Amino acid sequence: MIGKTISHYKILEKLGEGGMGVVYRTMDRLTGETVALKRVMTTGEQLQFKSLSSTTDFRLALAQEFRTLASLRHPNIISVLDYGFDKQLQPYFTMTLLENPQTILDAAKGQSDSAKIG
């Protein structure tokens, strides 16, 4: 995938992968920004979320979920910037790239209770 494009995002490097898909460092060719792109590799049958019903196409339900995520803004929530489907109809979404990410447990180590809440 390195060097290929998904929509207007050029894949620069693979950052990791997990149960739902693969995350890449990408270059947004429209803005010049470096962002993270997650290509969701889970099938529609494996996805479970509230907007999915037996009569709903999983892609439509997933687009509704992405739209909701993209509307959220909070300092402790990563920002979803864009979403769509690639040429193979696999869903993807882009988000702010964190250069030195920490798990929530690592970030909380040594913090006071009030800092963990606030």
N, C-alpha and C. Protein backbone atom coordinates (compact mmCIF):
# COMPACT_ATOMS: atom_id res chain seq x y z
N MET A 1 0.81 -1.21 0.00
CA MET A 1 0.00 0.00 0.00
C MET A 1 0.85 1.27 0.00
N ILE A 2 2.09 1.18 0.47
CA ILE A 2 2.94 2.38 0.54
C ILE A 2 3.06 2.99 -0.86
N GLY A 3 2.83 4.31 -0.94
CA GLY A 3 2.90 5.02 -2.21
C GLY A 3 1.59 5.06 -2.97
N LYS A 4 0.63 4.23 -2.60
CA LYS A 4 -0.68 4.23 -3.27
C LYS A 4 -1.55 5.32 -2.65
N THR A 5 -2.69 5.55 -3.27
CA THR A 5 -3.61 6.56 -2.76
C THR A 5 -4.98 5.94 -2.46
N ILE A 6 -5.60 6.50 -1.45
CA ILE A 6 -7.00 6.23 -1.14
C ILE A 6 -7.65 7.60 -1.16
N SER A 7 -8.57 7.78 -2.11
CA SER A 7 -9.15 9.09 -2.36
C SER A 7 -8.02 10.07 -2.62
N HIS A 8 -7.91 11.15 -1.85
CA HIS A 8 -6.84 12.13 -2.06
C HIS A 8 -5.74 11.99 -1.00
N TYR A 9 -5.64 10.81 -0.39
CA TYR A 9 -4.63 10.56 0.64
C TYR A 9 -3.56 9.64 0.10
N LYS A 10 -2.32 10.09 0.14
CA LYS A 10 -1.19 9.27 -0.30
C LYS A 10 -0.64 8.51 0.91
N ILE A 11 -0.54 7.19 0.79
CA ILE A 11 -0.06 6.35 1.88
C ILE A 11 1.46 6.50 1.99
N LEU A 12 1.93 6.92 3.17
CA LEU A 12 3.36 7.11 3.40
C LEU A 12 3.99 5.94 4.15
N GLU A 13 3.31 5.46 5.20
CA GLU A 13 3.84 4.31 5.94
C GLU A 13 2.75 3.68 6.78
N LYS A 14 2.94 2.41 7.08
CA LYS A 14 2.02 1.70 7.95
C LYS A 14 2.42 1.97 9.39
N LEU A 15 1.44 2.38 10.21
CA LEU A 15 1.71 2.66 11.61
C LEU A 15 1.35 1.49 12.52
N GLY A 16 0.37 0.70 12.13
CA GLY A 16 -0.03 -0.44 12.95
C GLY A 16 -1.30 -1.06 12.44
N GLU A 17 -1.65 -2.19 13.04
CA GLU A 17 -2.91 -2.83 12.68
C GLU A 17 -3.46 -3.57 13.87
N GLY A 18 -4.76 -3.76 13.84
CA GLY A 18 -5.45 -4.44 14.93
C GLY A 18 -6.62 -5.22 14.40
N GLY A 19 -7.56 -5.50 15.29
CA GLY A 19 -8.69 -6.34 14.95
C GLY A 19 -9.62 -5.76 13.90
N MET A 20 -9.70 -4.44 13.80
CA MET A 20 -10.63 -3.82 12.84
C MET A 20 -9.97 -3.38 11.55
N GLY A 21 -8.66 -3.17 11.55
CA GLY A 21 -8.06 -2.69 10.32
C GLY A 21 -6.62 -2.26 10.48
N VAL A 22 -6.19 -1.43 9.53
CA VAL A 22 -4.81 -0.99 9.44
C VAL A 22 -4.78 0.54 9.47
N VAL A 23 -3.80 1.10 10.20
CA VAL A 23 -3.64 2.56 10.29
C VAL A 23 -2.37 2.95 9.55
N TYR A 24 -2.48 3.99 8.72
CA TYR A 24 -1.35 4.48 7.93
C TYR A 24 -1.11 5.96 8.22
N ARG A 25 0.14 6.37 8.11
CA ARG A 25 0.49 7.79 8.03
C ARG A 25 0.26 8.16 6.57
N THR A 26 -0.52 9.21 6.34
CA THR A 26 -0.83 9.62 4.97
C THR A 26 -0.65 11.11 4.80
N MET A 27 -0.52 11.50 3.57
CA MET A 27 -0.44 12.91 3.21
C MET A 27 -1.74 13.28 2.50
N ASP A 28 -2.44 14.26 3.05
CA ASP A 28 -3.64 14.78 2.40
C ASP A 28 -3.16 15.64 1.24
N ARG A 29 -3.38 15.19 0.02
CA ARG A 29 -2.85 15.90 -1.15
C ARG A 29 -3.59 17.21 -1.42
N LEU A 30 -4.74 17.42 -0.78
CA LEU A 30 -5.46 18.69 -0.94
C LEU A 30 -4.93 19.77 -0.01
N THR A 31 -4.61 19.39 1.24
CA THR A 31 -4.19 20.38 2.23
C THR A 31 -2.69 20.34 2.53
N GLY A 32 -2.02 19.24 2.16
CA GLY A 32 -0.61 19.08 2.49
C GLY A 32 -0.37 18.58 3.91
N GLU A 33 -1.44 18.36 4.67
CA GLU A 33 -1.31 17.90 6.05
C GLU A 33 -1.01 16.40 6.11
N THR A 34 -0.29 16.01 7.14
CA THR A 34 -0.07 14.60 7.42
C THR A 34 -1.13 14.17 8.42
N VAL A 35 -1.88 13.12 8.07
CA VAL A 35 -2.96 12.63 8.92
C VAL A 35 -2.87 11.11 9.02
N ALA A 36 -3.57 10.56 9.99
CA ALA A 36 -3.68 9.11 10.11
C ALA A 36 -4.92 8.66 9.35
N LEU A 37 -4.79 7.57 8.62
CA LEU A 37 -5.92 7.00 7.90
C LEU A 37 -6.08 5.57 8.37
N LYS A 38 -7.28 5.23 8.83
CA LYS A 38 -7.57 3.86 9.22
C LYS A 38 -8.45 3.24 8.16
N ARG A 39 -7.95 2.16 7.58
CA ARG A 39 -8.71 1.40 6.59
C ARG A 39 -9.36 0.26 7.36
N VAL A 40 -10.68 0.29 7.42
CA VAL A 40 -11.44 -0.71 8.18
C VAL A 40 -11.54 -1.98 7.34
N MET A 41 -10.99 -3.07 7.87
CA MET A 41 -10.97 -4.33 7.12
C MET A 41 -12.00 -5.33 7.63
N THR A 42 -12.74 -4.96 8.64
CA THR A 42 -13.79 -5.82 9.19
C THR A 42 -14.96 -5.86 8.22
N THR A 43 -15.57 -7.02 8.07
CA THR A 43 -16.73 -7.12 7.18
C THR A 43 -17.96 -6.52 7.84
N GLY A 44 -18.95 -6.19 7.05
CA GLY A 44 -20.17 -5.61 7.57
C GLY A 44 -20.88 -6.51 8.57
N GLU A 45 -20.77 -7.81 8.36
CA GLU A 45 -21.42 -8.76 9.27
C GLU A 45 -20.76 -8.75 10.66
N GLN A 46 -19.50 -8.35 10.74
CA GLN A 46 -18.77 -8.35 12.01
C GLN A 46 -18.98 -7.06 12.80
N LEU A 47 -19.50 -6.02 12.16
CA LEU A 47 -19.68 -4.74 12.83
C LEU A 47 -20.97 -4.74 13.65
N GLN A 48 -20.87 -4.14 14.83
CA GLN A 48 -22.04 -4.03 15.68
C GLN A 48 -22.11 -2.61 16.22
N PHE A 49 -23.14 -1.87 15.84
CA PHE A 49 -23.36 -0.54 16.36
C PHE A 49 -24.83 -0.20 16.24
N LYS A 50 -25.27 0.77 17.01
CA LYS A 50 -26.70 1.06 17.15
C LYS A 50 -27.41 1.41 15.85
N SER A 51 -26.74 2.10 14.94
CA SER A 51 -27.44 2.54 13.73
C SER A 51 -27.58 1.43 12.69
N LEU A 52 -27.09 0.24 13.00
CA LEU A 52 -27.19 -0.88 12.06
C LEU A 52 -28.40 -1.74 12.43
N SER A 53 -29.32 -1.87 11.51
CA SER A 53 -30.47 -2.76 11.71
C SER A 53 -30.43 -3.82 10.62
N SER A 54 -31.30 -4.78 10.72
CA SER A 54 -31.30 -5.86 9.73
C SER A 54 -31.67 -5.38 8.33
N THR A 55 -32.30 -4.21 8.24
CA THR A 55 -32.69 -3.69 6.93
C THR A 55 -31.74 -2.61 6.40
N THR A 56 -30.73 -2.25 7.18
CA THR A 56 -29.81 -1.19 6.80
C THR A 56 -28.56 -1.76 6.16
N ASP A 57 -28.15 -1.20 5.04
CA ASP A 57 -26.87 -1.56 4.44
C ASP A 57 -25.77 -1.13 5.41
N PHE A 58 -24.82 -2.00 5.69
CA PHE A 58 -23.79 -1.68 6.68
C PHE A 58 -22.98 -0.45 6.28
N ARG A 59 -22.82 -0.18 4.99
CA ARG A 59 -22.05 0.99 4.57
C ARG A 59 -22.77 2.28 4.94
N LEU A 60 -24.08 2.29 4.79
CA LEU A 60 -24.87 3.46 5.18
C LEU A 60 -24.80 3.66 6.69
N ALA A 61 -24.95 2.57 7.45
CA ALA A 61 -24.86 2.67 8.92
C ALA A 61 -23.47 3.12 9.34
N LEU A 62 -22.44 2.62 8.69
CA LEU A 62 -21.07 3.02 9.02
C LEU A 62 -20.84 4.48 8.69
N ALA A 63 -21.36 4.96 7.57
CA ALA A 63 -21.24 6.38 7.22
C ALA A 63 -21.92 7.25 8.27
N GLN A 64 -23.06 6.80 8.81
CA GLN A 64 -23.74 7.55 9.87
C GLN A 64 -22.87 7.59 11.13
N GLU A 65 -22.22 6.48 11.46
CA GLU A 65 -21.33 6.44 12.62
C GLU A 65 -20.15 7.39 12.41
N PHE A 66 -19.54 7.37 11.22
CA PHE A 66 -18.41 8.25 10.92
C PHE A 66 -18.85 9.72 11.01
N ARG A 67 -20.03 10.03 10.50
CA ARG A 67 -20.53 11.41 10.55
C ARG A 67 -20.66 11.87 12.00
N THR A 68 -21.16 10.99 12.85
CA THR A 68 -21.27 11.33 14.27
C THR A 68 -19.89 11.54 14.88
N LEU A 69 -18.95 10.64 14.62
CA LEU A 69 -17.59 10.79 15.14
C LEU A 69 -16.95 12.09 14.66
N ALA A 70 -17.17 12.44 13.40
CA ALA A 70 -16.57 13.65 12.84
C ALA A 70 -17.13 14.91 13.48
N SER A 71 -18.32 14.83 14.08
CA SER A 71 -18.91 16.01 14.70
C SER A 71 -18.42 16.25 16.14
N LEU A 72 -17.76 15.27 16.73
CA LEU A 72 -17.31 15.39 18.12
C LEU A 72 -16.03 16.21 18.22
N ARG A 73 -15.99 17.14 19.15
CA ARG A 73 -14.78 17.93 19.40
C ARG A 73 -14.57 18.03 20.90
N HIS A 74 -13.45 17.49 21.36
CA HIS A 74 -13.09 17.53 22.78
C HIS A 74 -11.58 17.30 22.84
N PRO A 75 -10.88 17.95 23.78
CA PRO A 75 -9.43 17.78 23.85
C PRO A 75 -8.97 16.34 24.10
N ASN A 76 -9.84 15.52 24.68
CA ASN A 76 -9.46 14.15 24.99
C ASN A 76 -10.01 13.12 24.00
N ILE A 77 -10.56 13.60 22.89
CA ILE A 77 -11.06 12.71 21.84
C ILE A 77 -10.34 13.05 20.55
N ILE A 78 -9.81 12.06 19.88
CA ILE A 78 -9.13 12.29 18.61
C ILE A 78 -10.17 12.78 17.58
N SER A 79 -9.78 13.70 16.75
CA SER A 79 -10.71 14.27 15.76
C SER A 79 -10.74 13.44 14.49
N VAL A 80 -11.93 12.98 14.13
CA VAL A 80 -12.14 12.33 12.84
C VAL A 80 -12.34 13.45 11.82
N LEU A 81 -11.54 13.44 10.77
CA LEU A 81 -11.53 14.53 9.80
C LEU A 81 -12.35 14.23 8.55
N ASP A 82 -12.32 12.98 8.11
CA ASP A 82 -12.94 12.62 6.83
C ASP A 82 -13.25 11.13 6.88
N TYR A 83 -14.13 10.68 6.00
CA TYR A 83 -14.44 9.26 5.91
C TYR A 83 -14.94 8.96 4.51
N GLY A 84 -14.89 7.71 4.14
CA GLY A 84 -15.38 7.31 2.84
C GLY A 84 -15.12 5.84 2.59
N PHE A 85 -15.18 5.46 1.32
CA PHE A 85 -14.97 4.08 0.91
C PHE A 85 -13.95 4.09 -0.23
N ASP A 86 -12.99 3.17 -0.18
CA ASP A 86 -11.96 3.13 -1.23
C ASP A 86 -12.49 2.40 -2.47
N LYS A 87 -11.63 2.18 -3.45
CA LYS A 87 -12.05 1.55 -4.70
C LYS A 87 -12.54 0.12 -4.52
N GLN A 88 -12.08 -0.54 -3.44
CA GLN A 88 -12.54 -1.90 -3.15
C GLN A 88 -13.78 -1.88 -2.22
N LEU A 89 -14.34 -0.68 -2.01
CA LEU A 89 -15.50 -0.45 -1.15
C LEU A 89 -15.22 -0.75 0.31
N GLN A 90 -13.94 -0.71 0.70
CA GLN A 90 -13.58 -0.84 2.11
C GLN A 90 -13.69 0.54 2.75
N PRO A 91 -14.33 0.63 3.91
CA PRO A 91 -14.45 1.93 4.57
C PRO A 91 -13.12 2.39 5.15
N TYR A 92 -12.96 3.70 5.20
CA TYR A 92 -11.79 4.30 5.83
C TYR A 92 -12.22 5.58 6.51
N PHE A 93 -11.42 6.02 7.46
CA PHE A 93 -11.60 7.35 8.02
C PHE A 93 -10.24 7.93 8.35
N THR A 94 -10.16 9.25 8.31
CA THR A 94 -8.92 9.92 8.66
C THR A 94 -9.11 10.65 9.97
N MET A 95 -7.99 10.81 10.67
CA MET A 95 -8.03 11.48 11.96
C MET A 95 -6.72 12.22 12.18
N THR A 96 -6.73 13.08 13.15
CA THR A 96 -5.53 13.80 13.53
C THR A 96 -4.43 12.78 13.84
N LEU A 97 -3.24 13.02 13.34
CA LEU A 97 -2.11 12.13 13.61
C LEU A 97 -1.43 12.55 14.89
N LEU A 98 -1.34 11.64 15.83
CA LEU A 98 -0.60 11.88 17.07
C LEU A 98 0.79 11.29 16.91
N GLU A 99 1.81 12.11 17.02
CA GLU A 99 3.19 11.64 16.80
C GLU A 99 3.71 10.75 17.92
N ASN A 100 3.32 11.05 19.16
CA ASN A 100 3.78 10.25 20.30
C ASN A 100 2.58 9.83 21.13
N PRO A 101 1.75 8.94 20.60
CA PRO A 101 0.53 8.58 21.31
C PRO A 101 0.81 7.76 22.57
N GLN A 102 -0.09 7.88 23.51
CA GLN A 102 -0.04 7.09 24.74
C GLN A 102 -1.37 6.41 24.95
N THR A 103 -1.34 5.26 25.58
CA THR A 103 -2.60 4.65 25.98
C THR A 103 -3.17 5.47 27.12
N ILE A 104 -4.44 5.33 27.38
CA ILE A 104 -5.07 6.09 28.45
C ILE A 104 -4.46 5.71 29.81
N LEU A 105 -4.06 4.47 29.97
CA LEU A 105 -3.45 4.04 31.23
C LEU A 105 -2.08 4.68 31.42
N ASP A 106 -1.28 4.72 30.36
CA ASP A 106 0.04 5.37 30.46
C ASP A 106 -0.09 6.86 30.73
N ALA A 107 -1.05 7.51 30.08
CA ALA A 107 -1.23 8.95 30.26
C ALA A 107 -1.67 9.28 31.69
N ALA A 108 -2.39 8.36 32.35
CA ALA A 108 -2.90 8.61 33.69
C ALA A 108 -1.89 8.32 34.80
N LYS A 109 -0.83 7.59 34.48
CA LYS A 109 0.15 7.23 35.52
C LYS A 109 0.75 8.49 36.14
N GLY A 110 0.75 8.52 37.48
CA GLY A 110 1.34 9.63 38.20
C GLY A 110 0.48 10.88 38.26
N GLN A 111 -0.70 10.85 37.67
CA GLN A 111 -1.59 12.01 37.70
C GLN A 111 -2.48 11.97 38.93
N SER A 112 -2.86 13.13 39.43
CA SER A 112 -3.81 13.20 40.54
C SER A 112 -5.19 12.77 40.04
N ASP A 113 -6.07 12.44 40.98
CA ASP A 113 -7.44 12.05 40.61
C ASP A 113 -8.14 13.18 39.87
N SER A 114 -7.94 14.42 40.31
CA SER A 114 -8.61 15.54 39.64
C SER A 114 -8.08 15.72 38.21
N ALA A 115 -6.80 15.46 37.98
CA ALA A 115 -6.25 15.56 36.63
C ALA A 115 -6.79 14.44 35.73
N LYS A 116 -7.03 13.27 36.32
CA LYS A 116 -7.57 12.15 35.54
C LYS A 116 -9.00 12.42 35.10
N ILE A 117 -9.75 13.14 35.92
CA ILE A 117 -11.16 13.43 35.62
C ILE A 117 -11.26 14.61 34.64
N GLY A 118 -10.47 15.63 34.88
CA GLY A 118 -10.61 16.88 34.14
C GLY A 118 -10.00 16.85 32.83
